[in-house]
PDB file of N, CA and C in Angstrom:
ATOM      1  N   MET A   1       0.530  -1.552   0.173  1.00  0.00           N
ATOM      2  CA  MET A   1      -0.436  -0.056   0.295  1.00  0.00           C
ATOM      3  C   MET A   1       0.468   1.541  -0.057  1.00  0.00           C
ATOM      4  N   VAL A   2       0.376   2.076  -0.728  1.00  0.00           N
ATOM      5  CA  VAL A   2       1.263   3.602  -0.751  1.00  0.00           C
ATOM      6  C   VAL A   2       0.860   4.547   0.174  1.00  0.00           C
ATOM      7  N   GLU A   3       1.505   5.163   1.520  1.00  0.00           N
ATOM      8  CA  GLU A   3       1.179   5.814   2.182  1.00  0.00           C
ATOM      9  C   GLU A   3       1.093   7.316   1.739  1.00  0.00           C
ATOM     10  N   GLN A   4      -0.285   7.619   1.983  1.00  0.00           N
ATOM     11  CA  GLN A   4      -0.662   9.122   1.720  1.00  0.00           C
ATOM     12  C   GLN A   4      -0.200   9.543   2.610  1.00  0.00           C
ATOM     13  N   ARG A   5       0.059  11.276   2.424  1.00  0.00           N
ATOM     14  CA  ARG A   5       0.247  12.139   3.215  1.00  0.00           C
ATOM     15  C   ARG A   5      -0.837  12.300   3.905  1.00  0.00           C
ATOM     16  N   PRO A   6      -1.307  12.601   5.104  1.00  0.00           N
ATOM     17  CA  PRO A   6      -2.209  12.942   5.695  1.00  0.00           C
ATOM     18  C   PRO A   6      -2.404  14.660   5.812  1.00  0.00           C
ATOM     19  N   THR A   7      -4.445  14.873   5.750  1.00  0.00           N
ATOM     20  CA  THR A   7      -5.028  16.330   5.929  1.00  0.00           C
ATOM     21  C   THR A   7      -4.293  16.763   6.737  1.00  0.00           C
ATOM     22  N   LYS A   8      -4.424  18.295   6.487  1.00  0.00           N
ATOM     23  CA  LYS A   8      -4.297  19.060   8.170  1.00  0.00           C
ATOM     24  C   LYS A   8      -4.775  18.686   9.020  1.00  0.00           C
ATOM     25  N   LYS A   9      -6.136  18.557   9.247  1.00  0.00           N
ATOM     26  CA  LYS A   9      -6.407  17.833  10.242  1.00  0.00           C
ATOM     27  C   LYS A   9      -5.766  16.449  10.692  1.00  0.00           C
ATOM     28  N   GLN A  10      -5.776  15.582  10.400  1.00  0.00           N
ATOM     29  CA  GLN A  10      -5.299  14.584  10.519  1.00  0.00           C
ATOM     30  C   GLN A  10      -3.665  14.782  10.961  1.00  0.00           C
ATOM     31  N   ARG A  11      -2.633  15.460  10.509  1.00  0.00           N
ATOM     32  CA  ARG A  11      -1.550  16.023  10.807  1.00  0.00           C
ATOM     33  C   ARG A  11      -1.822  16.626  12.443  1.00  0.00           C
ATOM     34  N   GLU A  12      -2.959  17.620  13.041  1.00  0.00           N
ATOM     35  CA  GLU A  12      -3.331  17.615  13.727  1.00  0.00           C
ATOM     36  C   GLU A  12      -3.373  17.016  14.938  1.00  0.00           C
ATOM     37  N   LEU A  13      -4.379  15.770  14.596  1.00  0.00           N
ATOM     38  CA  LEU A  13      -4.950  14.594  15.222  1.00  0.00           C
ATOM     39  C   LEU A  13      -3.126  13.781  15.830  1.00  0.00           C
ATOM     40  N   LEU A  14      -2.426  13.566  14.816  1.00  0.00           N
ATOM     41  CA  LEU A  14      -1.325  13.297  15.120  1.00  0.00           C
ATOM     42  C   LEU A  14      -0.593  13.527  15.568  1.00  0.00           C
ATOM     43  N   SER A  15      -0.211  14.818  15.688  1.00  0.00           N
ATOM     44  CA  SER A  15       0.710  15.757  16.981  1.00  0.00           C
ATOM     45  C   SER A  15      -0.081  15.457  18.185  1.00  0.00           C
ATOM     46  N   PHE A  16      -1.450  15.567  18.273  1.00  0.00           N
ATOM     47  CA  PHE A  16      -1.747  15.530  19.047  1.00  0.00           C
ATOM     48  C   PHE A  16      -1.518  14.537  20.219  1.00  0.00           C
ATOM     49  N   ILE A  17      -2.072  13.322  19.131  1.00  0.00           N
ATOM     50  CA  ILE A  17      -1.779  11.758  20.424  1.00  0.00           C
ATOM     51  C   ILE A  17      -0.393  11.780  20.624  1.00  0.00           C
ATOM     52  N   ASP A  18       0.760  12.147  19.100  1.00  0.00           N
ATOM     53  CA  ASP A  18       1.974  12.065  19.642  1.00  0.00           C
ATOM     54  C   ASP A  18       2.726  12.680  21.018  1.00  0.00           C
ATOM     55  N   GLY A  19       1.858  14.048  21.237  1.00  0.00           N
ATOM     56  CA  GLY A  19       2.213  14.760  22.493  1.00  0.00           C
ATOM     57  C   GLY A  19       1.833  14.449  23.753  1.00  0.00           C
ATOM     58  N   PHE A  20       0.919  13.701  23.277  1.00  0.00           N
ATOM     59  CA  PHE A  20      -0.035  12.863  24.451  1.00  0.00           C
ATOM     60  C   PHE A  20       0.366  11.601  25.117  1.00  0.00           C
ATOM     61  N   ILE A  21       1.340  10.731  24.083  1.00  0.00           N
ATOM     62  CA  ILE A  21       1.951   9.226  24.472  1.00  0.00           C
ATOM     63  C   ILE A  21       3.086  10.408  25.006  1.00  0.00           C
ATOM     64  N   LYS A  22       3.765  11.399  24.521  1.00  0.00           N
ATOM     65  CA  LYS A  22       4.844  11.107  24.964  1.00  0.00           C
ATOM     66  C   LYS A  22       4.495  11.735  26.451  1.00  0.00           C
ATOM     67  N   GLY A  23       3.907  12.640  27.054  1.00  0.00           N
ATOM     68  CA  GLY A  23       3.481  12.912  28.170  1.00  0.00           C
ATOM     69  C   GLY A  23       3.071  11.849  29.047  1.00  0.00           C
ATOM     70  N   TYR A  24       1.931  11.207  28.753  1.00  0.00           N
ATOM     71  CA  TYR A  24       1.422  10.246  30.007  1.00  0.00           C
ATOM     72  C   TYR A  24       1.953   8.551  29.562  1.00  0.00           C
ATOM     73  N   GLY A  25       2.795   8.359  28.406  1.00  0.00           N
ATOM     74  CA  GLY A  25       3.312   7.015  28.276  1.00  0.00           C
ATOM     75  C   GLY A  25       2.153   6.118  27.873  1.00  0.00           C
ATOM     76  N   TYR A  26       0.594   6.880  27.158  1.00  0.00           N
ATOM     77  CA  TYR A  26      -0.363   5.743  26.225  1.00  0.00           C
ATOM     78  C   TYR A  26      -1.433   6.779  25.938  1.00  0.00           C
ATOM     79  N   GLY A  27      -1.918   5.883  24.869  1.00  0.00           N
ATOM     80  CA  GLY A  27      -2.974   6.905  23.999  1.00  0.00           C
ATOM     81  C   GLY A  27      -3.915   7.562  24.568  1.00  0.00           C
ATOM     82  N   PRO A  28      -4.465   8.743  24.052  1.00  0.00           N
ATOM     83  CA  PRO A  28      -5.452   9.264  24.631  1.00  0.00           C
ATOM     84  C   PRO A  28      -6.760   8.245  24.432  1.00  0.00           C
ATOM     85  N   SER A  29      -7.977   8.432  24.754  1.00  0.00           N
ATOM     86  CA  SER A  29      -9.558   7.745  24.154  1.00  0.00           C
ATOM     87  C   SER A  29      -9.961   8.775  23.230  1.00  0.00           C
ATOM     88  N   TYR A  30     -10.831   8.612  22.958  1.00  0.00           N
ATOM     89  CA  TYR A  30     -11.312   9.103  21.844  1.00  0.00           C
ATOM     90  C   TYR A  30     -12.369  10.209  22.072  1.00  0.00           C
ATOM     91  N   ARG A  31     -12.496  10.506  23.187  1.00  0.00           N
ATOM     92  CA  ARG A  31     -13.306  11.597  24.179  1.00  0.00           C
ATOM     93  C   ARG A  31     -11.921  12.626  24.560  1.00  0.00           C
ATOM     94  N   GLU A  32     -11.078  12.545  25.052  1.00  0.00           N
ATOM     95  CA  GLU A  32      -9.891  13.061  25.267  1.00  0.00           C
ATOM     96  C   GLU A  32      -9.650  13.742  24.180  1.00  0.00           C
ATOM     97  N   ILE A  33      -9.578  13.099  22.976  1.00  0.00           N
ATOM     98  CA  ILE A  33      -9.053  13.448  21.754  1.00  0.00           C
ATOM     99  C   ILE A  33     -10.280  14.796  21.161  1.00  0.00           C
ATOM    100  N   MET A  34     -11.480  14.557  21.239  1.00  0.00           N
ATOM    101  CA  MET A  34     -12.602  14.943  20.784  1.00  0.00           C
ATOM    102  C   MET A  34     -12.224  16.475  21.458  1.00  0.00           C
ATOM    103  N   ARG A  35     -12.401  16.289  22.879  1.00  0.00           N
ATOM    104  CA  ARG A  35     -12.211  18.010  23.854  1.00  0.00           C
ATOM    105  C   ARG A  35     -11.007  18.314  23.453  1.00  0.00           C
ATOM    106  N   ALA A  36      -9.814  17.765  23.513  1.00  0.00           N
ATOM    107  CA  ALA A  36      -8.605  18.706  22.933  1.00  0.00           C
ATOM    108  C   ALA A  36      -8.589  19.295  21.839  1.00  0.00           C
ATOM    109  N   LEU A  37      -8.755  19.097  20.834  1.00  0.00           N
ATOM    110  CA  LEU A  37      -8.900  19.242  19.327  1.00  0.00           C
ATOM    111  C   LEU A  37     -10.386  20.154  18.813  1.00  0.00           C
ATOM    112  N   ASP A  38     -11.253  19.935  20.401  1.00  0.00           N
ATOM    113  CA  ASP A  38     -12.582  20.609  20.303  1.00  0.00           C
ATOM    114  C   ASP A  38     -13.508  20.388  18.836  1.00  0.00           C
ATOM    115  N   TYR A  39     -13.695  19.082  18.564  1.00  0.00           N
ATOM    116  CA  TYR A  39     -14.650  18.356  17.371  1.00  0.00           C
ATOM    117  C   TYR A  39     -15.794  18.394  19.176  1.00  0.00           C
ATOM    118  N   LYS A  40     -17.037  18.174  18.248  1.00  0.00           N
ATOM    119  CA  LYS A  40     -18.205  18.108  18.586  1.00  0.00           C
ATOM    120  C   LYS A  40     -18.717  17.014  19.112  1.00  0.00           C
ATOM    121  N   SER A  41     -17.958  15.500  18.241  1.00  0.00           N
ATOM    122  CA  SER A  41     -18.493  14.041  18.985  1.00  0.00           C
ATOM    123  C   SER A  41     -17.799  13.584  18.579  1.00  0.00           C
ATOM    124  N   VAL A  42     -17.812  12.346  19.206  1.00  0.00           N
ATOM    125  CA  VAL A  42     -16.525  11.013  19.121  1.00  0.00           C
ATOM    126  C   VAL A  42     -16.304  10.607  17.523  1.00  0.00           C
ATOM    127  N   SER A  43     -17.719  10.617  16.595  1.00  0.00           N
ATOM    128  CA  SER A  43     -17.862   9.958  15.539  1.00  0.00           C
ATOM    129  C   SER A  43     -16.663  10.555  14.779  1.00  0.00           C
ATOM    130  N   THR A  44     -16.724  12.099  14.906  1.00  0.00           N
ATOM    131  CA  THR A  44     -15.696  12.762  14.317  1.00  0.00           C
ATOM    132  C   THR A  44     -14.111  12.612  14.145  1.00  0.00           C
ATOM    133  N   VAL A  45     -14.028  12.172  15.627  1.00  0.00           N
ATOM    134  CA  VAL A  45     -12.727  11.787  15.765  1.00  0.00           C
ATOM    135  C   VAL A  45     -12.026  10.377  15.303  1.00  0.00           C
ATOM    136  N   ALA A  46     -13.355   9.481  15.135  1.00  0.00           N
ATOM    137  CA  ALA A  46     -13.245   8.063  14.645  1.00  0.00           C
ATOM    138  C   ALA A  46     -13.125   8.373  13.293  1.00  0.00           C
ATOM    139  N   THR A  47     -14.039   9.188  12.635  1.00  0.00           N
ATOM    140  CA  THR A  47     -13.456   9.770  11.030  1.00  0.00           C
ATOM    141  C   THR A  47     -12.155   9.975  10.791  1.00  0.00           C
ATOM    142  N   HIS A  48     -11.886  10.795  11.404  1.00  0.00           N
ATOM    143  CA  HIS A  48     -10.274  10.899  11.115  1.00  0.00           C
ATOM    144  C   HIS A  48      -9.394  10.165  11.557  1.00  0.00           C
ATOM    145  N   VAL A  49      -9.593   9.409  12.523  1.00  0.00           N
ATOM    146  CA  VAL A  49      -8.526   7.976  13.012  1.00  0.00           C
ATOM    147  C   VAL A  49      -8.603   6.822  11.762  1.00  0.00           C
ATOM    148  N   ASN A  50     -10.321   6.967  11.256  1.00  0.00           N
ATOM    149  CA  ASN A  50     -10.136   6.186  10.219  1.00  0.00           C
ATOM    150  C   ASN A  50      -9.422   6.396   8.929  1.00  0.00           C
ATOM    151  N   GLY A  51      -9.400   7.744   8.554  1.00  0.00           N
ATOM    152  CA  GLY A  51      -8.456   8.090   7.558  1.00  0.00           C
ATOM    153  C   GLY A  51      -7.238   7.978   7.681  1.00  0.00           C
ATOM    154  N   LEU A  52      -6.931   8.284   8.727  1.00  0.00           N
ATOM    155  CA  LEU A  52      -5.422   8.040   8.682  1.00  0.00           C
ATOM    156  C   LEU A  52      -5.058   6.214   8.341  1.00  0.00           C
ATOM    157  N   VAL A  53      -5.770   5.714   9.497  1.00  0.00           N
ATOM    158  CA  VAL A  53      -5.575   3.854   8.854  1.00  0.00           C
ATOM    159  C   VAL A  53      -5.770   3.802   7.299  1.00  0.00           C
ATOM    160  N   ALA A  54      -6.815   4.306   6.628  1.00  0.00           N
ATOM    161  CA  ALA A  54      -6.843   4.034   5.285  1.00  0.00           C
ATOM    162  C   ALA A  54      -5.622   4.669   4.598  1.00  0.00           C
ATOM    163  N   ARG A  55      -5.015   5.722   5.064  1.00  0.00           N
ATOM    164  CA  ARG A  55      -3.811   6.144   4.525  1.00  0.00           C
ATOM    165  C   ARG A  55      -2.427   5.401   4.773  1.00  0.00           C
ATOM    166  N   GLY A  56      -2.377   4.456   5.861  1.00  0.00           N
ATOM    167  CA  GLY A  56      -1.358   3.743   6.047  1.00  0.00           C
ATOM    168  C   GLY A  56      -0.528   4.664   7.084  1.00  0.00           C
ATOM    169  N   TRP A  57      -1.275   5.265   7.997  1.00  0.00           N
ATOM    170  CA  TRP A  57      -1.000   5.645   9.289  1.00  0.00           C
ATOM    171  C   TRP A  57      -0.999   5.005  10.217  1.00  0.00           C
TER     172      TRP A  57
END
């Protein structure tokens, strides 16, 4: 599979996840991501995470 570059929102998500893991030693929950990135629902987080997975991230 060819790895595609993430979108701007996906890069923000990756950056948040990376910082969270570095700070806490484990990955954030979808709800923590939702609050931190000011998303309105957990399903929005799931959409972006699924998009990253589909792009090979």
